[in-house]
C-alpha atoms as a PDB file:
ATOM      1  CA  MET A   1      74.338 162.110 113.410  1.00  0.00           C
ATOM      2  CA  GLY A   2      71.103 161.304 111.619  1.00  0.00           C
ATOM      3  CA  GLN A   3      68.728 163.668 113.433  1.00  0.00           C
ATOM      4  CA  LYS A   4      65.644 164.960 111.696  1.00  0.00           C
ATOM      5  CA  GLU A   5      65.248 168.734 111.930  1.00  0.00           C
ATOM      6  CA  ILE A   6      61.840 170.147 112.776  1.00  0.00           C
ATOM      7  CA  ILE A   7      61.194 173.875 112.387  1.00  0.00           C
ATOM      8  CA  THR A   8      58.819 175.348 114.979  1.00  0.00           C
ATOM      9  CA  ASP A   9      58.342 179.088 115.442  1.00  0.00           C
ATOM     10  CA  GLU A  10      61.595 179.858 113.604  1.00  0.00           C
ATOM     11  CA  ARG A  11      63.537 177.503 115.893  1.00  0.00           C
ATOM     12  CA  ILE A  12      65.135 174.306 114.690  1.00  0.00           C
ATOM     13  CA  ARG A  13      64.689 171.313 116.949  1.00  0.00           C
ATOM     14  CA  LYS A  14      66.583 168.097 116.316  1.00  0.00           C
ATOM     15  CA  GLU A  15      64.601 164.909 116.798  1.00  0.00           C
ATOM     16  CA  LEU A  16      66.576 161.824 117.749  1.00  0.00           C
ATOM     17  CA  THR A  17      66.538 158.807 115.500  1.00  0.00           C
ATOM     18  CA  GLU A  18      65.710 155.309 116.703  1.00  0.00           C
ATOM     19  CA  GLN A  19      69.425 154.465 116.660  1.00  0.00           C
ATOM     20  CA  ASP A  20      70.182 157.561 118.768  1.00  0.00           C
ATOM     21  CA  ARG A  21      67.594 156.470 121.324  1.00  0.00           C
ATOM     22  CA  TYR A  22      69.278 153.079 121.726  1.00  0.00           C
ATOM     23  CA  LYS A  23      72.573 154.898 122.272  1.00  0.00           C
ATOM     24  CA  VAL A  24      70.945 157.052 124.955  1.00  0.00           C
ATOM     25  CA  GLU A  25      69.600 153.935 126.674  1.00  0.00           C
ATOM     26  CA  HIS A  26      73.035 152.299 126.606  1.00  0.00           C
ATOM     27  CA  TRP A  27      74.850 155.392 127.881  1.00  0.00           C
ATOM     28  CA  LEU A  28      72.342 155.924 130.691  1.00  0.00           C
ATOM     29  CA  LYS A  29      72.988 152.347 131.836  1.00  0.00           C
ATOM     30  CA  GLU A  30      76.691 153.246 131.859  1.00  0.00           C
ATOM     31  CA  LYS A  31      75.815 156.223 134.113  1.00  0.00           C
ATOM     32  CA  LEU A  32      76.927 158.919 131.651  1.00  0.00           C
ATOM     33  CA  LYS A  33      75.779 162.451 132.407  1.00  0.00           C
ATOM     34  CA  VAL A  34      73.146 164.107 130.248  1.00  0.00           C
ATOM     35  CA  SER A  35      75.691 166.706 129.120  1.00  0.00           C
ATOM     36  CA  GLU A  36      78.094 163.998 127.912  1.00  0.00           C
ATOM     37  CA  ILE A  37      75.346 162.166 126.017  1.00  0.00           C
ATOM     38  CA  ALA A  38      74.278 165.443 124.394  1.00  0.00           C
ATOM     39  CA  LYS A  39      77.855 166.164 123.376  1.00  0.00           C
ATOM     40  CA  ARG A  40      78.254 162.720 121.814  1.00  0.00           C
ATOM     41  CA  LEU A  41      75.015 163.091 119.830  1.00  0.00           C
ATOM     42  CA  GLU A  42      75.705 166.746 119.002  1.00  0.00           C
ATOM     43  CA  VAL A  43      72.409 167.998 120.435  1.00  0.00           C
ATOM     44  CA  HIS A  44      71.431 170.342 123.253  1.00  0.00           C
ATOM     45  CA  PRO A  45      71.215 168.751 126.736  1.00  0.00           C
ATOM     46  CA  LYS A  46      67.549 169.793 126.884  1.00  0.00           C
ATOM     47  CA  THR A  47      66.891 167.457 123.933  1.00  0.00           C
ATOM     48  CA  ILE A  48      68.303 164.554 125.961  1.00  0.00           C
ATOM     49  CA  ARG A  49      66.356 165.505 129.101  1.00  0.00           C
ATOM     50  CA  ARG A  50      63.147 165.696 127.035  1.00  0.00           C
ATOM     51  CA  GLU A  51      63.934 162.306 125.497  1.00  0.00           C
ATOM     52  CA  ILE A  52      64.514 160.769 128.929  1.00  0.00           C
ATOM     53  CA  ALA A  53      61.195 162.169 130.180  1.00  0.00           C
ATOM     54  CA  ILE A  54      59.356 160.657 127.196  1.00  0.00           C
ATOM     55  CA  GLY A  55      60.999 157.229 127.428  1.00  0.00           C
ATOM     56  CA  THR A  56      61.070 156.650 131.184  1.00  0.00           C
ATOM     57  CA  LEU A  57      58.986 153.797 132.555  1.00  0.00           C
ATOM     58  CA  THR A  58      58.105 152.863 136.120  1.00  0.00           C
ATOM     59  CA  LEU A  59      58.654 149.137 136.634  1.00  0.00           C
ATOM     60  CA  LEU A  60      58.573 146.675 139.533  1.00  0.00           C
ATOM     61  CA  ASP A  61      61.529 144.620 140.693  1.00  0.00           C
ATOM     62  CA  THR A  62      61.264 141.076 142.098  1.00  0.00           C
ATOM     63  CA  TYR A  63      60.387 142.505 145.542  1.00  0.00           C
ATOM     64  CA  LEU A  64      57.582 144.605 143.974  1.00  0.00           C
ATOM     65  CA  ARG A  65      59.467 147.842 144.552  1.00  0.00           C
ATOM     66  CA  GLU A  66      59.059 150.537 141.912  1.00  0.00           C
ATOM     67  CA  TYR A  67      62.012 151.829 139.942  1.00  0.00           C
ATOM     68  CA  GLU A  68      62.350 153.999 136.861  1.00  0.00           C
ATOM     69  CA  CYS A  69      64.379 153.311 133.748  1.00  0.00           C
ATOM     70  CA  TYR A  70      64.664 154.683 130.228  1.00  0.00           C
ATOM     71  CA  LYS A  71      63.663 152.358 127.377  1.00  0.00           C
ATOM     72  CA  ALA A  72      64.312 153.328 123.760  1.00  0.00           C
ATOM     73  CA  ASP A  73      61.485 151.078 122.521  1.00  0.00           C
ATOM     74  CA  TYR A  74      58.993 152.925 124.717  1.00  0.00           C
ATOM     75  CA  ALA A  75      60.259 156.328 123.542  1.00  0.00           C
ATOM     76  CA  ASN A  76      59.927 155.261 119.896  1.00  0.00           C
ATOM     77  CA  VAL A  77      56.220 154.532 120.366  1.00  0.00           C
ATOM     78  CA  PHE A  78      55.512 158.142 121.343  1.00  0.00           C
ATOM     79  CA  THR A  79      57.670 159.859 118.741  1.00  0.00           C
ATOM     80  CA  VAL A  80      56.568 158.115 115.546  1.00  0.00           C
END
């Protein structure tokens, strides 16, 4: 994929691209497991869990009940 590698304390961490984040959003809507998404993007599952934590919003439905969902646009704001 097109991940950017960041070296921190002798460890290499792969940062997801904007395109990867839209794929994550799509696959989460399709109810894919974190491990399957990580396999498809060739990253560690922890990378996907971290990404989901960064990009998850709490929204209100039409009955004013809260629900959470991942939005790639929101995640991109915090990772630029």
